[in-house]
Amino acid sequence: MGFYAKHILPWAVNRACSAKPNRRQREKVVPLAEGRVLEVGVGSGLNFPHYDRERVVSVVAVDPSAEMLRMAESTVAGAPVDVDLVQAGAEDLPVESSSIDTVLVTYTLCTIPDVFPALAEMARVLAPGGRLLFCEHGLAPDASVAWWQRKLNPAWRAVGGGCNLGRNIPDLIRRGGFRITGMETMYLPGWKPASFNYRGIAVPTQGTALDDPGRPAPRDPPYPSTPVAIPVTTQAPGATGGPGFGNAWGGGVSGMTMGGPGSVLSRMSGGPGFGNAMSAPASVENETFGGPGSGRIGFGG
């Protein structure tokens, strides 16, 4: 490991992940964790303050980086719940099958080299009724932003510890053996190629991408040349939900399609100067979210 990866990168990742927009996402998603929790890609421990001590029994927090775990050690003492730090990669989790109630990943899927084996591991450790909570940056819905993500990704990945700008997070999660039951997407304030955010909940399904040998599991999914409709769940009229989930839009929304009660709203959003956006129907099941969401760049960010 070189000087940059050992001494500069952990500091840079922690700095980026401590940004206010990311912190606000953490404040919304982390309190949804309950029971026995596995946090994959704990990084410097920025999620620790947001766990709900009334809902969480214990937390096992894994990360492959010894440097990031040393930073996390300084925050464990102030955590409201018991946290056990473990150095391990997501592709081989040191946790028994069906022993976890909540798997939490925040700005982690962008960096894991072998995403599908990692997601299969997350599904393996979840107990019946368990859930995956995710909050990730990834593929933007606007063609111009997605173009820059593709062009800048090689350099970004080299300096960002393997972080990829434009992974298609919903596609990865679904192909990795999960069904998304609720999701919100939006641009966070900041540099557009790294600021399109996905936050939601998923549950395991039977099949995964690994079950189909004819279906490739690319490390970097293809980038579209045209805008892609990103689904967003909404509340049905008269329903109530907690802070953080509902309609949250980035700048430059140019269209939307709404259905009846309990329907899904999908939209394309673009910041000023980032082209036209189009909306299209989507098929994501609704789930009402209660309680106060999360953020991080990279596996260990």
Protein backbone atom coordinates (compact mmCIF):
# COMPACT_ATOMS: atom_id res chain seq x y z
CA MET A 1 0.00 0.00 0.00
CA GLY A 2 1.41 3.36 -1.05
CA PHE A 3 1.70 6.56 0.93
CA TYR A 4 -1.36 8.09 -0.76
CA ALA A 5 -3.64 5.12 -0.06
CA LYS A 6 -2.48 4.79 3.53
CA HIS A 7 -2.22 8.39 4.71
CA ILE A 8 -4.08 10.73 2.32
CA LEU A 9 -7.02 8.74 0.94
CA PRO A 10 -8.62 7.87 4.34
CA TRP A 11 -8.51 11.53 5.36
CA ALA A 12 -9.94 12.63 1.99
CA VAL A 13 -12.76 10.06 2.13
CA ASN A 14 -13.68 11.04 5.66
CA ARG A 15 -13.69 14.71 4.71
CA ALA A 16 -15.93 14.15 1.70
CA CYS A 17 -18.30 11.90 3.61
CA SER A 18 -18.66 14.42 6.41
CA ALA A 19 -20.28 16.97 4.11
CA LYS A 20 -23.57 18.39 5.35
CA PRO A 21 -25.77 16.96 2.54
CA ASN A 22 -24.44 13.47 3.23
CA ARG A 23 -24.91 13.90 6.95
CA ARG A 24 -28.54 14.80 6.41
CA GLN A 25 -29.02 11.58 4.44
CA ARG A 26 -27.51 9.59 7.30
CA GLU A 27 -29.89 11.23 9.72
CA LYS A 28 -32.79 9.87 7.68
CA VAL A 29 -31.76 6.30 6.89
CA VAL A 30 -29.64 5.09 9.83
CA PRO A 31 -32.43 5.44 12.45
CA LEU A 32 -34.49 2.96 10.40
CA ALA A 33 -32.06 0.18 11.36
CA GLU A 34 -33.37 -2.25 13.96
CA GLY A 35 -32.42 -5.41 15.79
CA ARG A 36 -29.07 -6.96 14.97
CA VAL A 37 -27.37 -4.67 12.44
CA LEU A 38 -24.55 -5.32 9.99
CA GLU A 39 -23.01 -2.15 8.58
CA VAL A 40 -21.01 -2.90 5.44
CA GLY A 41 -18.32 -0.36 4.62
CA VAL A 42 -18.29 1.42 7.95
CA GLY A 43 -15.44 3.73 6.99
CA SER A 44 -14.64 6.21 9.75
CA GLY A 45 -17.86 5.53 11.66
CA LEU A 46 -19.90 8.51 10.53
CA ASN A 47 -23.16 6.56 10.90
CA PHE A 48 -22.65 5.68 14.56
CA PRO A 49 -24.28 8.76 16.12
CA HIS A 50 -27.50 8.17 14.18
CA TYR A 51 -28.42 4.69 15.41
CA ASP A 52 -31.56 4.52 17.52
CA ARG A 53 -30.68 2.87 20.83
CA GLU A 54 -34.34 1.95 21.34
CA ARG A 55 -34.45 -0.08 18.11
CA VAL A 56 -30.94 -1.50 17.72
CA VAL A 57 -29.62 -4.46 19.72
CA SER A 58 -26.05 -4.43 18.41
CA VAL A 59 -23.97 -3.43 15.38
CA VAL A 60 -21.26 -5.38 13.57
CA ALA A 61 -19.38 -2.88 11.41
CA VAL A 62 -17.06 -4.22 8.71
CA ASP A 63 -14.58 -2.54 6.40
CA PRO A 64 -11.57 -3.86 4.44
CA SER A 65 -9.43 -0.83 5.30
CA ALA A 66 -7.37 -0.97 8.49
CA GLU A 67 -6.78 2.77 8.19
CA MET A 68 -10.50 3.57 8.08
CA LEU A 69 -11.18 1.23 11.00
CA ARG A 70 -8.57 3.04 13.09
CA MET A 71 -10.46 6.25 12.43
CA ALA A 72 -13.73 4.52 13.36
CA GLU A 73 -12.26 3.42 16.69
CA SER A 74 -12.23 7.02 17.84
CA THR A 75 -16.01 7.29 17.39
CA VAL A 76 -17.10 3.94 18.83
CA ALA A 77 -16.98 5.19 22.41
CA GLY A 78 -19.57 7.85 21.64
CA ALA A 79 -21.96 5.52 19.79
CA PRO A 80 -25.39 5.10 21.41
CA VAL A 81 -25.28 1.32 20.75
CA ASP A 82 -22.73 -1.49 21.07
CA VAL A 83 -20.49 -1.61 17.97
CA ASP A 84 -18.04 -4.38 17.05
CA LEU A 85 -15.48 -3.32 14.41
CA VAL A 86 -14.29 -6.09 12.08
CA GLN A 87 -11.79 -5.88 9.22
CA ALA A 88 -13.36 -7.78 6.33
CA GLY A 89 -14.44 -7.38 2.73
CA ALA A 90 -18.07 -7.36 1.68
CA GLU A 91 -17.57 -10.35 -0.61
CA ASP A 92 -16.88 -12.68 2.36
CA LEU A 93 -18.73 -11.43 5.43
CA PRO A 94 -17.67 -13.06 8.73
CA VAL A 95 -21.28 -13.38 9.90
CA GLU A 96 -23.52 -16.43 10.27
CA SER A 97 -26.34 -16.97 7.81
CA SER A 98 -29.78 -15.64 8.78
CA SER A 99 -28.38 -13.86 11.84
CA ILE A 100 -28.93 -10.19 10.92
CA ASP A 101 -32.09 -8.10 10.99
CA THR A 102 -30.76 -5.05 9.12
CA VAL A 103 -27.91 -4.64 6.64
CA LEU A 104 -26.88 -1.01 6.20
CA VAL A 105 -24.82 0.26 3.26
CA THR A 106 -24.13 3.97 2.82
CA TYR A 107 -22.00 5.15 -0.08
CA THR A 108 -20.40 1.73 -0.26
CA LEU A 109 -21.71 -0.03 -3.39
CA CYS A 110 -19.86 2.48 -5.57
CA THR A 111 -16.52 1.02 -4.50
CA ILE A 112 -16.94 -2.71 -3.84
CA PRO A 113 -14.97 -4.44 -6.63
CA ASP A 114 -17.23 -7.51 -6.89
CA VAL A 115 -20.70 -6.13 -6.25
CA PHE A 116 -22.84 -9.20 -6.89
CA PRO A 117 -20.97 -11.59 -4.57
CA ALA A 118 -21.15 -8.85 -1.93
CA LEU A 119 -24.91 -8.42 -2.35
CA ALA A 120 -25.35 -12.21 -2.26
CA GLU A 121 -23.49 -12.20 1.06
CA MET A 122 -25.77 -9.47 2.41
CA ALA A 123 -28.81 -11.52 1.42
CA ARG A 124 -27.29 -14.63 3.02
CA VAL A 125 -26.82 -13.07 6.44
CA LEU A 126 -30.30 -11.51 6.63
CA ALA A 127 -32.79 -13.33 8.81
CA PRO A 128 -36.37 -13.88 7.57
CA GLY A 129 -38.04 -10.49 7.49
CA GLY A 130 -34.68 -8.72 7.41
CA ARG A 131 -34.09 -5.62 5.28
CA LEU A 132 -31.30 -3.90 3.37
CA LEU A 133 -31.12 -0.14 3.97
CA PHE A 134 -29.13 1.66 1.30
CA CYS A 135 -28.04 5.20 0.55
CA GLU A 136 -25.71 5.55 -2.42
CA HIS A 137 -24.58 7.96 -5.11
CA GLY A 138 -24.64 6.70 -8.66
CA LEU A 139 -25.84 6.95 -12.23
CA ALA A 140 -27.50 10.30 -12.94
CA PRO A 141 -30.73 10.38 -14.98
CA ASP A 142 -29.57 13.25 -17.21
CA ALA A 143 -27.63 12.30 -20.33
CA SER A 144 -25.16 15.17 -20.01
CA VAL A 145 -24.32 14.33 -16.40
CA ALA A 146 -24.08 10.60 -17.18
CA TRP A 147 -21.69 11.46 -20.03
CA TRP A 148 -19.39 13.29 -17.64
CA GLN A 149 -19.62 10.42 -15.17
CA ARG A 150 -18.43 8.02 -17.85
CA LYS A 151 -15.64 10.30 -19.07
CA LEU A 152 -14.33 11.18 -15.62
CA ASN A 153 -14.72 7.77 -14.01
CA PRO A 154 -11.26 6.31 -14.78
CA ALA A 155 -9.46 9.25 -13.19
CA TRP A 156 -11.97 9.49 -10.34
CA ARG A 157 -11.64 5.80 -9.56
CA ALA A 158 -7.84 6.08 -9.48
CA VAL A 159 -7.78 8.91 -6.96
CA GLY A 160 -10.95 7.90 -5.08
CA GLY A 161 -9.90 4.49 -3.82
CA GLY A 162 -11.92 2.61 -6.44
CA CYS A 163 -15.07 4.71 -6.18
CA ASN A 164 -17.18 4.69 -9.37
CA LEU A 165 -19.22 7.74 -10.28
CA GLY A 166 -22.04 6.19 -12.25
CA ARG A 167 -23.02 2.75 -11.08
CA ASN A 168 -26.68 1.93 -11.63
CA ILE A 169 -27.57 1.33 -7.99
CA PRO A 170 -31.17 0.07 -8.37
CA ASP A 171 -30.14 -2.32 -11.13
CA LEU A 172 -27.27 -3.68 -9.05
CA ILE A 173 -29.49 -4.21 -6.02
CA ARG A 174 -32.20 -5.98 -8.01
CA ARG A 175 -29.77 -8.16 -9.92
CA GLY A 176 -27.95 -8.88 -6.68
CA GLY A 177 -30.92 -10.70 -5.22
CA PHE A 178 -33.14 -7.99 -3.70
CA ARG A 179 -36.53 -6.43 -4.33
CA ILE A 180 -36.70 -2.69 -3.72
CA THR A 181 -39.77 -1.87 -1.64
CA GLY A 182 -39.24 1.89 -1.42
CA MET A 183 -36.74 4.37 -2.85
CA GLU A 184 -36.17 8.09 -3.13
CA THR A 185 -33.82 9.66 -5.66
CA MET A 186 -32.56 13.22 -5.89
CA TYR A 187 -29.55 15.39 -6.56
CA LEU A 188 -27.81 16.44 -3.39
CA PRO A 189 -26.14 19.85 -3.31
CA GLY A 190 -22.67 19.59 -4.77
CA TRP A 191 -20.75 18.46 -7.84
CA LYS A 192 -23.37 16.89 -10.13
CA PRO A 193 -21.39 13.85 -11.38
CA ALA A 194 -21.06 12.63 -7.78
CA SER A 195 -24.27 13.93 -6.25
CA PHE A 196 -27.18 11.90 -7.62
CA ASN A 197 -28.46 10.03 -4.59
CA TYR A 198 -30.47 6.83 -4.11
CA ARG A 199 -31.95 6.06 -0.69
CA GLY A 200 -34.29 3.20 0.11
CA ILE A 201 -35.16 -0.23 1.45
CA ALA A 202 -34.89 -3.66 -0.17
CA VAL A 203 -35.68 -7.23 0.85
CA PRO A 204 -34.07 -10.47 -0.38
CA THR A 205 -35.55 -12.47 -3.23
CA GLN A 206 -34.82 -16.02 -4.35
CA GLY A 207 -32.70 -15.42 -7.46
CA THR A 208 -29.53 -13.39 -7.98
CA ALA A 209 -27.39 -12.42 -10.95
CA LEU A 210 -25.00 -15.19 -9.90
CA ASP A 211 -27.72 -17.78 -10.55
CA ASP A 212 -27.72 -16.95 -14.27
CA PRO A 213 -24.31 -17.79 -15.79
CA GLY A 214 -25.39 -16.24 -19.07
CA ARG A 215 -25.96 -12.86 -17.51
CA PRO A 216 -22.73 -10.95 -16.92
CA ALA A 217 -21.97 -9.26 -13.62
CA PRO A 218 -19.98 -6.22 -14.75
CA ARG A 219 -17.96 -4.25 -12.27
CA ASP A 220 -19.01 -1.08 -14.00
CA PRO A 221 -22.49 -1.27 -15.58
CA PRO A 222 -22.88 0.40 -18.99
CA TYR A 223 -23.68 4.09 -19.10
CA PRO A 224 -26.72 5.08 -21.16
CA SER A 225 -26.48 7.58 -24.00
CA THR A 226 -30.02 8.83 -23.32
CA PRO A 227 -31.79 9.83 -20.09
CA VAL A 228 -32.98 6.98 -17.90
CA ALA A 229 -36.18 7.12 -15.86
CA ILE A 230 -35.38 6.83 -12.17
CA PRO A 231 -38.30 5.64 -10.00
CA VAL A 232 -39.31 7.52 -6.89
CA THR A 233 -41.89 6.28 -4.42
CA THR A 234 -44.56 8.61 -3.14
CA GLN A 235 -47.15 8.49 -0.42
CA ALA A 236 -50.77 7.85 -1.32
CA PRO A 237 -53.13 10.78 -0.70
CA GLY A 238 -53.99 10.98 2.98
CA ALA A 239 -51.14 8.71 4.04
CA THR A 240 -48.57 9.84 6.52
CA GLY A 241 -44.88 9.17 6.53
CA GLY A 242 -41.87 10.19 8.54
CA PRO A 243 -39.34 12.82 7.61
CA GLY A 244 -37.01 12.14 4.74
CA PHE A 245 -39.16 10.03 2.42
CA GLY A 246 -41.66 11.49 -0.01
CA ASN A 247 -41.20 13.95 -2.83
CA ALA A 248 -37.74 15.45 -2.84
CA TRP A 249 -36.54 17.00 -6.05
CA GLY A 250 -33.23 18.19 -7.37
CA GLY A 251 -32.98 21.31 -9.46
CA GLY A 252 -34.34 21.54 -12.96
CA VAL A 253 -37.27 19.13 -12.84
CA SER A 254 -38.94 19.23 -16.23
CA GLY A 255 -41.73 16.71 -15.98
CA MET A 256 -43.46 14.07 -13.94
CA THR A 257 -46.17 11.45 -14.24
CA MET A 258 -48.46 10.69 -11.32
CA GLY A 259 -50.90 7.85 -10.84
CA GLY A 260 -53.69 7.27 -8.36
CA PRO A 261 -53.54 6.41 -4.67
CA GLY A 262 -50.52 4.32 -3.79
CA SER A 263 -49.01 4.78 -7.23
CA VAL A 264 -45.41 5.48 -8.09
CA LEU A 265 -44.09 8.77 -9.29
CA SER A 266 -41.10 8.68 -11.59
CA ARG A 267 -39.20 11.64 -12.86
CA MET A 268 -36.10 12.83 -14.55
CA SER A 269 -34.35 15.72 -12.91
CA GLY A 270 -31.53 17.89 -14.08
CA GLY A 271 -29.66 20.78 -12.60
CA PRO A 272 -29.44 24.11 -14.36
CA GLY A 273 -27.76 23.68 -17.72
CA PHE A 274 -27.94 19.90 -17.70
CA GLY A 275 -30.34 19.26 -20.57
CA ASN A 276 -33.99 18.33 -20.75
CA ALA A 277 -35.53 15.74 -18.46
CA MET A 278 -38.42 13.41 -19.23
CA SER A 279 -40.60 11.39 -16.92
CA ALA A 280 -41.88 7.87 -17.41
CA PRO A 281 -43.89 5.36 -15.40
CA ALA A 282 -41.93 3.13 -13.06
CA SER A 283 -42.68 -0.07 -11.19
CA VAL A 284 -41.42 0.12 -7.65
CA GLU A 285 -43.59 -0.99 -4.77
CA ASN A 286 -44.44 1.55 -2.12
CA GLU A 287 -43.50 1.36 1.52
CA THR A 288 -44.32 4.06 4.02
CA PHE A 289 -41.20 5.23 5.75
CA GLY A 290 -41.36 6.44 9.30
CA GLY A 291 -38.69 8.08 11.28
CA PRO A 292 -36.07 10.35 10.44
CA GLY A 293 -31.49 8.93 5.65
CA SER A 294 -27.44 8.43 5.17
CA GLY A 295 -24.33 9.09 3.06
CA ARG A 296 -20.79 8.19 2.23
CA ILE A 297 -18.36 7.99 -0.70
CA GLY A 298 -16.79 4.67 -1.46
CA PHE A 299 -16.41 1.36 0.35
CA GLY A 300 -15.02 2.54 3.62
CA GLY A 301 -16.18 6.09 3.10
